[in-house]
Amino acid sequence: MKMRVGQGFDIHRFSDDPERRLVLGGVHFEGERGLVGHSDADVAAHAVADALLGAAGLGDIGEHFPDTDPQWKGVDSLVIVRHVAALVRAEGWTIGNVDCAIVCEAPKLAPRKPEMQRLLSEAAGAPVTVKGRRAEGLGTLGRREGIAGWAVAVIHAD
């Protein structure tokens, strides 16, 4: 069996626009500041998509979904994950799993983790786990200037 691993990363700063919604793993966090981005700025979904693209040797999320393309403006990032998963499968790969870590001081992710994992897993067509971490007040993330996500994906071909 052939196996490959890819890693993904995404980071977005908080928006000053009170109309901007915070979306993480496809879940809307009511009452929280949104993130600046061309799409919905879902760092979890973007990290997952980037990890899958990397594992399959298909470039990165910026190549496939440039912030200059109006087609992706405001898009639900679960659409991006579904699109990337289809690209990976079209290359003959099976997605084994994806593990994603989100670093933020707020919001608390634990109460919404099952929903995030379900939505991301459905979009990827494979198990996606989500972990929440705090930056313990250190650096840009610790000062609550934004949210970052990292992901690792495993794919295989029989």
Protein backbone atom coordinates (compact mmCIF):
# COMPACT_ATOMS: atom_id res chain seq x y z
CA MET A 1 0.00 0.00 0.00
CA LYS A 2 1.23 3.47 -0.94
CA MET A 3 0.79 6.11 1.77
CA ARG A 4 1.40 9.85 1.95
CA VAL A 5 1.14 12.52 4.64
CA GLY A 6 0.47 16.23 4.20
CA GLN A 7 0.36 19.17 6.54
CA GLY A 8 -1.74 22.29 6.32
CA PHE A 9 -1.72 25.67 8.02
CA ASP A 10 -3.98 28.70 8.00
CA ILE A 11 -4.20 31.91 10.02
CA HIS A 12 -6.58 34.85 9.89
CA ARG A 13 -6.77 38.03 11.93
CA PHE A 14 -9.95 39.21 13.57
CA SER A 15 -12.18 41.59 11.64
CA ASP A 16 -13.47 44.94 12.90
CA ASP A 17 -16.64 44.41 10.85
CA PRO A 18 -19.47 43.65 13.32
CA GLU A 19 -21.37 41.83 10.52
CA ARG A 20 -18.53 39.34 9.95
CA ARG A 21 -19.37 35.90 11.40
CA LEU A 22 -16.88 33.58 13.09
CA VAL A 23 -16.93 30.16 11.42
CA LEU A 24 -14.67 27.31 12.54
CA GLY A 25 -15.02 23.79 11.17
CA GLY A 26 -18.24 24.86 9.46
CA VAL A 27 -19.78 25.94 12.79
CA HIS A 28 -20.97 29.51 13.35
CA PHE A 29 -19.94 30.84 16.77
CA GLU A 30 -22.70 33.32 17.59
CA GLY A 31 -21.59 36.56 19.24
CA GLU A 32 -17.87 36.08 18.50
CA ARG A 33 -15.76 38.36 16.29
CA GLY A 34 -15.35 37.11 12.74
CA LEU A 35 -12.10 36.69 10.86
CA VAL A 36 -10.87 38.64 7.83
CA GLY A 37 -10.77 36.59 4.66
CA HIS A 38 -11.91 36.24 1.05
CA SER A 39 -14.10 33.23 1.89
CA ASP A 40 -15.70 32.71 5.30
CA ALA A 41 -12.13 32.57 6.75
CA ASP A 42 -12.68 29.16 8.39
CA VAL A 43 -9.12 28.35 9.51
CA ALA A 44 -10.04 24.77 10.44
CA ALA A 45 -11.48 23.97 7.01
CA HIS A 46 -8.62 25.77 5.26
CA ALA A 47 -5.96 23.83 7.22
CA VAL A 48 -7.75 20.54 6.44
CA ALA A 49 -7.96 21.38 2.73
CA ASP A 50 -4.31 22.46 2.64
CA ALA A 51 -3.17 19.23 4.35
CA LEU A 52 -5.10 17.11 1.86
CA LEU A 53 -3.69 19.02 -1.12
CA GLY A 54 -0.17 18.64 0.24
CA ALA A 55 -0.54 14.92 0.87
CA ALA A 56 -1.66 14.36 -2.72
CA GLY A 57 1.05 16.62 -4.16
CA LEU A 58 -1.59 18.97 -5.58
CA GLY A 59 -0.13 22.28 -4.46
CA ASP A 60 -1.71 24.49 -1.85
CA ILE A 61 -5.00 26.14 -1.06
CA GLY A 62 -3.87 29.52 -2.46
CA GLU A 63 -3.22 27.98 -5.89
CA HIS A 64 -6.67 26.38 -6.10
CA PHE A 65 -8.70 29.10 -4.34
CA PRO A 66 -6.94 32.45 -4.89
CA ASP A 67 -8.27 35.45 -2.99
CA THR A 68 -8.46 37.25 -6.33
CA ASP A 69 -11.11 34.86 -7.72
CA PRO A 70 -14.65 36.21 -7.19
CA GLN A 71 -16.01 32.65 -7.41
CA TRP A 72 -14.68 31.99 -3.88
CA LYS A 73 -15.71 35.31 -2.28
CA GLY A 74 -17.70 34.59 0.88
CA VAL A 75 -17.90 30.85 0.12
CA ASP A 76 -18.63 28.35 2.87
CA SER A 77 -15.24 26.70 3.35
CA LEU A 78 -16.81 23.26 3.68
CA VAL A 79 -17.38 23.61 -0.09
CA ILE A 80 -13.61 24.01 -0.42
CA VAL A 81 -12.97 20.86 1.64
CA ARG A 82 -15.48 18.87 -0.48
CA HIS A 83 -13.84 20.15 -3.68
CA VAL A 84 -10.33 19.27 -2.44
CA ALA A 85 -11.45 15.80 -1.29
CA ALA A 86 -12.84 15.17 -4.78
CA LEU A 87 -9.52 16.27 -6.34
CA VAL A 88 -7.59 13.92 -4.04
CA ARG A 89 -9.89 11.00 -4.91
CA ALA A 90 -9.64 11.80 -8.63
CA GLU A 91 -5.88 11.26 -8.33
CA GLY A 92 -6.53 7.72 -7.06
CA TRP A 93 -6.06 8.37 -3.34
CA THR A 94 -8.23 7.35 -0.40
CA ILE A 95 -8.35 9.76 2.52
CA GLY A 96 -7.42 7.92 5.72
CA ASN A 97 -7.94 10.69 8.26
CA VAL A 98 -7.16 14.32 9.06
CA ASP A 99 -6.21 15.71 12.48
CA CYS A 100 -6.64 19.45 13.01
CA ALA A 101 -5.48 21.71 15.86
CA ILE A 102 -7.00 25.19 16.29
CA VAL A 103 -5.14 27.74 18.43
CA CYS A 104 -7.22 30.56 19.89
CA GLU A 105 -7.88 32.20 23.22
CA ALA A 106 -11.60 32.39 22.44
CA PRO A 107 -14.07 30.96 21.74
CA LYS A 108 -14.00 27.73 23.72
CA LEU A 109 -14.14 24.96 21.13
CA ALA A 110 -14.89 21.96 23.38
CA PRO A 111 -18.69 22.42 23.43
CA ARG A 112 -18.81 22.57 19.61
CA LYS A 113 -16.08 20.03 18.75
CA PRO A 114 -18.44 17.15 17.95
CA GLU A 115 -20.32 19.35 15.47
CA MET A 116 -17.10 20.64 13.91
CA GLN A 117 -15.75 17.10 13.55
CA ARG A 118 -19.00 15.85 12.02
CA LEU A 119 -19.19 18.67 9.45
CA LEU A 120 -15.51 18.44 8.47
CA SER A 121 -15.68 14.62 8.28
CA GLU A 122 -18.75 14.78 6.05
CA ALA A 123 -17.04 17.32 3.77
CA ALA A 124 -13.81 15.30 3.56
CA GLY A 125 -15.55 11.93 3.33
CA ALA A 126 -13.20 10.62 6.02
CA PRO A 127 -12.64 11.04 9.77
CA VAL A 128 -11.51 14.52 10.81
CA THR A 129 -10.62 15.19 14.43
CA VAL A 130 -10.37 18.68 15.95
CA LYS A 131 -8.38 19.78 18.96
CA GLY A 132 -8.54 23.20 20.57
CA ARG A 133 -5.47 24.79 22.12
CA ARG A 134 -4.76 28.12 23.78
CA ALA A 135 -1.64 30.21 23.21
CA GLU A 136 -1.53 30.98 26.95
CA GLY A 137 -1.36 34.72 26.28
CA LEU A 138 1.80 34.45 24.17
CA GLY A 139 2.30 36.21 20.83
CA THR A 140 -0.25 37.30 18.27
CA LEU A 141 -2.64 34.45 18.99
CA GLY A 142 -2.32 34.91 22.74
CA ARG A 143 -3.12 38.61 22.40
CA ARG A 144 -6.37 37.62 20.63
CA GLU A 145 -5.37 39.15 17.30
CA GLY A 146 -6.49 36.12 15.30
CA ILE A 147 -6.91 32.35 15.09
CA ALA A 148 -4.63 29.74 13.50
CA GLY A 149 -5.12 26.15 12.46
CA TRP A 150 -2.79 23.27 11.66
CA ALA A 151 -3.76 19.93 10.15
CA VAL A 152 -2.13 16.65 9.16
CA ALA A 153 -3.72 14.37 6.59
CA VAL A 154 -2.99 10.74 5.75
CA ILE A 155 -3.95 9.37 2.34
CA HIS A 156 -3.32 5.98 0.80
CA ALA A 157 -3.65 4.05 -2.46
CA ASP A 158 -4.05 0.29 -2.50
